[in-house]
Amino acid sequence: MKKIILAISIVSFLVFLAGCNNKSSENHDNNSSSDTNTSENKENETQNETDKKTNTSENRDTKDKSNKQNKEQSDNKDQEKKNNSSSESHQSTDKNKSYLNNFTSEKIEYARVWYQLISTKNDLKGIRNVYVTKIPKGSKVNPQAQDSAVYKEDVVKLEAPMKAGGSVTYSSNGDGTINVYNSIPYKWESPQNSDYSQMDKITRKAIEDNVETIYIKPHDNKKVAKLANKVKYNK
């Protein structure tokens, strides 16, 4: 009987030991699996972080490249517009200059003065010529009057063939402006039709009062050229 009990005890002990070993093995396997999963998770996190940085860098590079291309395209368009504008301006300037190539600077000046001061106010299309009289400094304001005042500078008188066409007497300042003597008439009346007793005072007042400084604009050269063709010098 004792032997049977001993045998049963030994078998039970062996079964117990076997169970403990199995449990220990399972725990070891579980721990090993847990470590493996943790390692894999860390690797996945690291890879995700790397991918995220890579994607961010690629997106930034793509955006920078796109912005650079847009800027280059914009700069090219601006340069093209500037070149076209410059070309058109150059062509326009050359065309305008070509109208006046055959005229002296004097005739161009006379035509511009006449266009601005006379034609725009009293454009008589029937006027064939514009006559120029150069009047030197010291000349009488009224050549018919013995007691006339004299001009204190060189002046020019432009006049149409008829009184209705108008006239302008002026001096040039050489800077694009002129001094216009607004009180000088188209023609002075003869002594028979006017009182010459006050002529000294009248002529002095004509060159001292109502003198206006005007800037002559660079008008349409084609129109100026047409007028320059009509300029004639009085003998």
Protein backbone atom coordinates (compact mmCIF):
# COMPACT_ATOMS: atom_id res chain seq x y z
CA MET A 1 0.00 0.00 0.00
CA LYS A 2 2.79 2.43 0.88
CA LYS A 3 4.42 1.75 -2.47
CA ILE A 4 1.22 2.63 -4.28
CA ILE A 5 0.91 5.91 -2.37
CA LEU A 6 4.57 6.73 -3.04
CA ALA A 7 4.12 6.00 -6.73
CA ILE A 8 1.06 8.21 -6.91
CA SER A 9 2.93 11.03 -5.10
CA ILE A 10 5.87 10.80 -7.50
CA VAL A 11 3.58 10.89 -10.50
CA SER A 12 1.68 13.88 -9.11
CA PHE A 13 4.93 15.71 -8.44
CA LEU A 14 6.12 15.05 -11.96
CA VAL A 15 2.82 16.27 -13.35
CA PHE A 16 3.14 19.43 -11.23
CA LEU A 17 6.66 20.05 -12.46
CA ALA A 18 5.58 19.56 -16.04
CA GLY A 19 2.78 22.07 -15.57
CA CYS A 20 5.16 24.63 -14.09
CA ASN A 21 7.57 24.23 -16.95
CA ASN A 22 4.78 24.70 -19.50
CA LYS A 23 3.57 27.86 -17.73
CA SER A 24 7.10 29.28 -17.59
CA SER A 25 7.58 28.53 -21.25
CA GLU A 26 4.30 30.24 -22.12
CA ASN A 27 5.24 33.34 -20.10
CA HIS A 28 8.62 33.45 -21.81
CA ASP A 29 6.98 33.16 -25.21
CA ASN A 30 4.49 35.87 -24.32
CA ASN A 31 7.23 38.18 -23.09
CA SER A 32 9.25 37.51 -26.21
CA SER A 33 6.21 38.21 -28.39
CA SER A 34 5.51 41.41 -26.44
CA ASP A 35 9.10 42.59 -26.92
CA THR A 36 8.87 41.82 -30.60
CA ASN A 37 5.62 43.77 -30.95
CA THR A 38 7.09 46.71 -29.05
CA SER A 39 10.13 46.73 -31.30
CA GLU A 40 7.95 46.54 -34.39
CA ASN A 41 5.76 49.37 -33.11
CA LYS A 42 8.82 51.51 -32.51
CA GLU A 43 10.13 50.75 -35.97
CA ASN A 44 6.74 51.60 -37.47
CA GLU A 45 6.62 54.89 -35.53
CA THR A 46 10.15 55.73 -36.66
CA GLN A 47 9.29 54.87 -40.26
CA ASN A 48 6.07 56.93 -40.08
CA GLU A 49 7.96 59.88 -38.67
CA THR A 50 10.59 59.54 -41.40
CA ASP A 51 7.90 59.29 -44.08
CA LYS A 52 6.14 62.32 -42.62
CA LYS A 53 9.33 64.39 -42.70
CA THR A 54 10.09 63.18 -46.22
CA ASN A 55 6.59 64.08 -47.42
CA THR A 56 6.81 67.49 -45.74
CA SER A 57 10.18 68.16 -47.34
CA GLU A 58 8.93 66.99 -50.72
CA ASN A 59 5.81 69.18 -50.43
CA ARG A 60 7.95 72.18 -49.45
CA ASP A 61 10.33 71.56 -52.35
CA THR A 62 7.38 71.18 -54.74
CA LYS A 63 5.80 74.40 -53.44
CA ASP A 64 9.09 76.31 -53.68
CA LYS A 65 9.64 74.98 -57.20
CA SER A 66 6.10 75.98 -58.19
CA ASN A 67 6.53 79.48 -56.72
CA LYS A 68 9.85 79.86 -58.51
CA GLN A 69 8.32 78.80 -61.82
CA ASN A 70 5.38 81.20 -61.32
CA LYS A 71 7.78 84.04 -60.53
CA GLU A 72 9.90 83.27 -63.58
CA GLN A 73 6.79 83.22 -65.78
CA SER A 74 5.61 86.51 -64.28
CA ASP A 75 9.05 88.11 -64.77
CA ASN A 76 9.14 86.87 -68.37
CA LYS A 77 5.69 88.37 -69.06
CA ASP A 78 6.69 91.69 -67.49
CA GLN A 79 9.89 91.77 -69.53
CA GLU A 80 7.96 90.93 -72.69
CA LYS A 81 5.48 93.74 -72.03
CA LYS A 82 8.35 96.15 -71.35
CA ASN A 83 10.11 95.13 -74.57
CA ASN A 84 6.89 95.50 -76.58
CA SER A 85 6.19 98.89 -75.02
CA SER A 86 9.75 100.03 -75.66
CA SER A 87 9.56 98.81 -79.25
CA GLU A 88 6.23 100.56 -79.85
CA SER A 89 7.51 103.74 -78.22
CA HIS A 90 10.68 103.61 -80.32
CA GLN A 91 8.71 103.07 -83.50
CA SER A 92 6.31 105.88 -82.58
CA THR A 93 9.20 108.22 -81.79
CA ASP A 94 10.97 107.39 -85.05
CA LYS A 95 7.75 107.95 -86.98
CA ASN A 96 7.15 111.30 -85.33
CA LYS A 97 10.73 112.41 -85.94
CA SER A 98 10.55 111.44 -89.59
CA TYR A 99 7.81 114.00 -90.23
CA LEU A 100 10.15 116.84 -89.28
CA ASN A 101 13.40 115.61 -90.78
CA ASN A 102 13.23 118.01 -93.73
CA PHE A 103 12.65 121.18 -91.67
CA THR A 104 14.99 123.52 -89.82
CA SER A 105 14.59 124.01 -86.07
CA GLU A 106 13.37 127.56 -86.78
CA LYS A 107 10.54 126.42 -89.03
CA ILE A 108 9.56 123.73 -86.54
CA GLU A 109 9.41 126.35 -83.79
CA TYR A 110 7.30 128.72 -85.89
CA ALA A 111 4.93 125.91 -86.86
CA ARG A 112 4.50 124.80 -83.24
CA VAL A 113 3.91 128.32 -81.99
CA TRP A 114 1.36 128.97 -84.73
CA TYR A 115 -0.37 125.65 -84.14
CA GLN A 116 -0.73 126.20 -80.37
CA LEU A 117 -1.58 129.90 -80.29
CA ILE A 118 -3.44 130.44 -83.56
CA SER A 119 -4.61 127.24 -85.26
CA THR A 120 -6.30 125.80 -82.17
CA LYS A 121 -8.27 129.05 -81.74
CA ASN A 122 -8.70 130.30 -85.29
CA ASP A 123 -8.09 127.48 -87.75
CA LEU A 124 -8.77 129.00 -91.16
CA LYS A 125 -8.20 126.17 -93.61
CA GLY A 126 -7.98 128.58 -96.51
CA ILE A 127 -4.68 130.02 -95.20
CA ARG A 128 -1.97 128.83 -97.55
CA ASN A 129 1.04 130.40 -95.85
CA VAL A 130 2.24 131.70 -92.49
CA TYR A 131 4.62 134.64 -92.91
CA VAL A 132 7.61 135.21 -90.63
CA THR A 133 9.19 138.59 -89.89
CA LYS A 134 12.35 138.66 -87.77
CA ILE A 135 12.58 141.91 -85.81
CA PRO A 136 16.01 142.69 -84.28
CA LYS A 137 16.48 144.20 -80.84
CA GLY A 138 16.28 148.03 -81.00
CA SER A 139 13.72 148.06 -83.82
CA LYS A 140 10.68 150.31 -83.49
CA VAL A 141 7.55 148.69 -82.11
CA ASN A 142 5.54 150.77 -84.59
CA PRO A 143 7.76 151.30 -87.64
CA GLN A 144 5.49 154.14 -88.83
CA ALA A 145 5.81 156.23 -85.66
CA GLN A 146 8.73 158.55 -85.14
CA ASP A 147 8.28 158.50 -81.37
CA SER A 148 7.79 154.74 -81.06
CA ALA A 149 9.41 152.72 -78.29
CA VAL A 150 11.85 150.01 -79.37
CA TYR A 151 12.05 146.30 -78.66
CA LYS A 152 14.48 145.36 -75.91
CA GLU A 153 15.14 141.93 -77.40
CA ASP A 154 14.97 140.07 -80.71
CA VAL A 155 11.40 139.15 -81.55
CA VAL A 156 9.55 137.23 -84.26
CA LYS A 157 6.21 138.07 -85.77
CA LEU A 158 4.09 135.35 -87.37
CA GLU A 159 1.07 136.43 -89.39
CA ALA A 160 -1.50 135.06 -91.79
CA PRO A 161 -1.98 136.69 -95.21
CA MET A 162 -5.13 138.39 -93.93
CA LYS A 163 -6.00 140.10 -90.65
CA ALA A 164 -8.76 137.59 -89.93
CA GLY A 165 -6.12 134.86 -89.84
CA GLY A 166 -4.39 136.47 -86.88
CA SER A 167 -0.80 137.09 -85.83
CA VAL A 168 1.53 136.52 -82.89
CA THR A 169 4.62 138.50 -81.83
CA TYR A 170 6.99 136.77 -79.43
CA SER A 171 10.56 136.19 -78.27
CA SER A 172 12.05 132.77 -77.58
CA ASN A 173 13.67 131.87 -74.25
CA GLY A 174 15.50 128.84 -75.63
CA ASP A 175 13.99 126.48 -73.06
CA GLY A 176 10.70 125.61 -74.71
CA THR A 177 8.97 128.78 -73.50
CA ILE A 178 8.27 132.04 -75.30
CA ASN A 179 7.29 135.57 -74.26
CA VAL A 180 4.16 136.60 -76.13
CA TYR A 181 3.45 140.32 -76.68
CA ASN A 182 -0.33 140.19 -76.62
CA SER A 183 -0.82 143.94 -77.23
CA ILE A 184 1.01 144.08 -80.58
CA PRO A 185 -1.67 144.37 -83.29
CA TYR A 186 -1.78 142.58 -86.65
CA LYS A 187 -1.01 145.95 -88.30
CA TRP A 188 -0.50 149.41 -86.81
CA GLU A 189 -2.97 151.93 -88.15
CA SER A 190 -1.56 154.68 -90.38
CA PRO A 191 -1.00 158.22 -88.98
CA GLN A 192 -4.06 159.38 -90.95
CA ASN A 193 -6.33 157.00 -89.05
CA SER A 194 -4.80 157.18 -85.57
CA ASP A 195 -3.56 159.76 -83.06
CA TYR A 196 0.21 159.41 -82.98
CA SER A 197 0.71 162.04 -80.28
CA GLN A 198 0.69 159.34 -77.59
CA MET A 199 2.53 156.72 -79.64
CA ASP A 200 5.61 156.62 -77.40
CA LYS A 201 3.44 155.76 -74.40
CA ILE A 202 1.26 153.32 -76.36
CA THR A 203 4.16 151.39 -77.86
CA ARG A 204 6.09 151.27 -74.57
CA LYS A 205 3.03 149.89 -72.85
CA ALA A 206 2.60 147.32 -75.64
CA ILE A 207 6.00 145.74 -74.89
CA GLU A 208 5.93 146.12 -71.11
CA ASP A 209 2.37 145.17 -70.22
CA ASN A 210 0.36 142.09 -71.11
CA VAL A 211 3.46 140.01 -71.88
CA GLU A 212 2.82 136.33 -71.22
CA THR A 213 5.32 133.49 -70.87
CA ILE A 214 3.97 130.30 -72.45
CA TYR A 215 5.33 126.78 -72.73
CA ILE A 216 5.08 125.44 -76.29
CA LYS A 217 4.07 121.79 -76.19
CA PRO A 218 5.57 119.18 -78.54
CA HIS A 219 2.39 118.72 -80.57
CA ASP A 220 1.58 116.03 -83.11
CA ASN A 221 4.55 116.16 -85.49
CA LYS A 222 2.44 115.24 -88.50
CA LYS A 223 0.26 118.34 -88.02
CA VAL A 224 3.29 120.48 -87.21
CA ALA A 225 4.96 119.30 -90.43
CA LYS A 226 1.93 120.43 -92.46
CA LEU A 227 2.19 123.90 -90.94
CA ALA A 228 5.97 124.00 -91.39
CA ASN A 229 5.36 123.57 -95.11
CA LYS A 230 3.35 126.80 -95.04
CA VAL A 231 6.03 128.89 -93.31
CA LYS A 232 7.40 131.64 -95.55
CA TYR A 233 9.83 134.45 -94.75
CA ASN A 234 8.94 138.06 -95.38
CA LYS A 235 11.60 139.87 -97.42
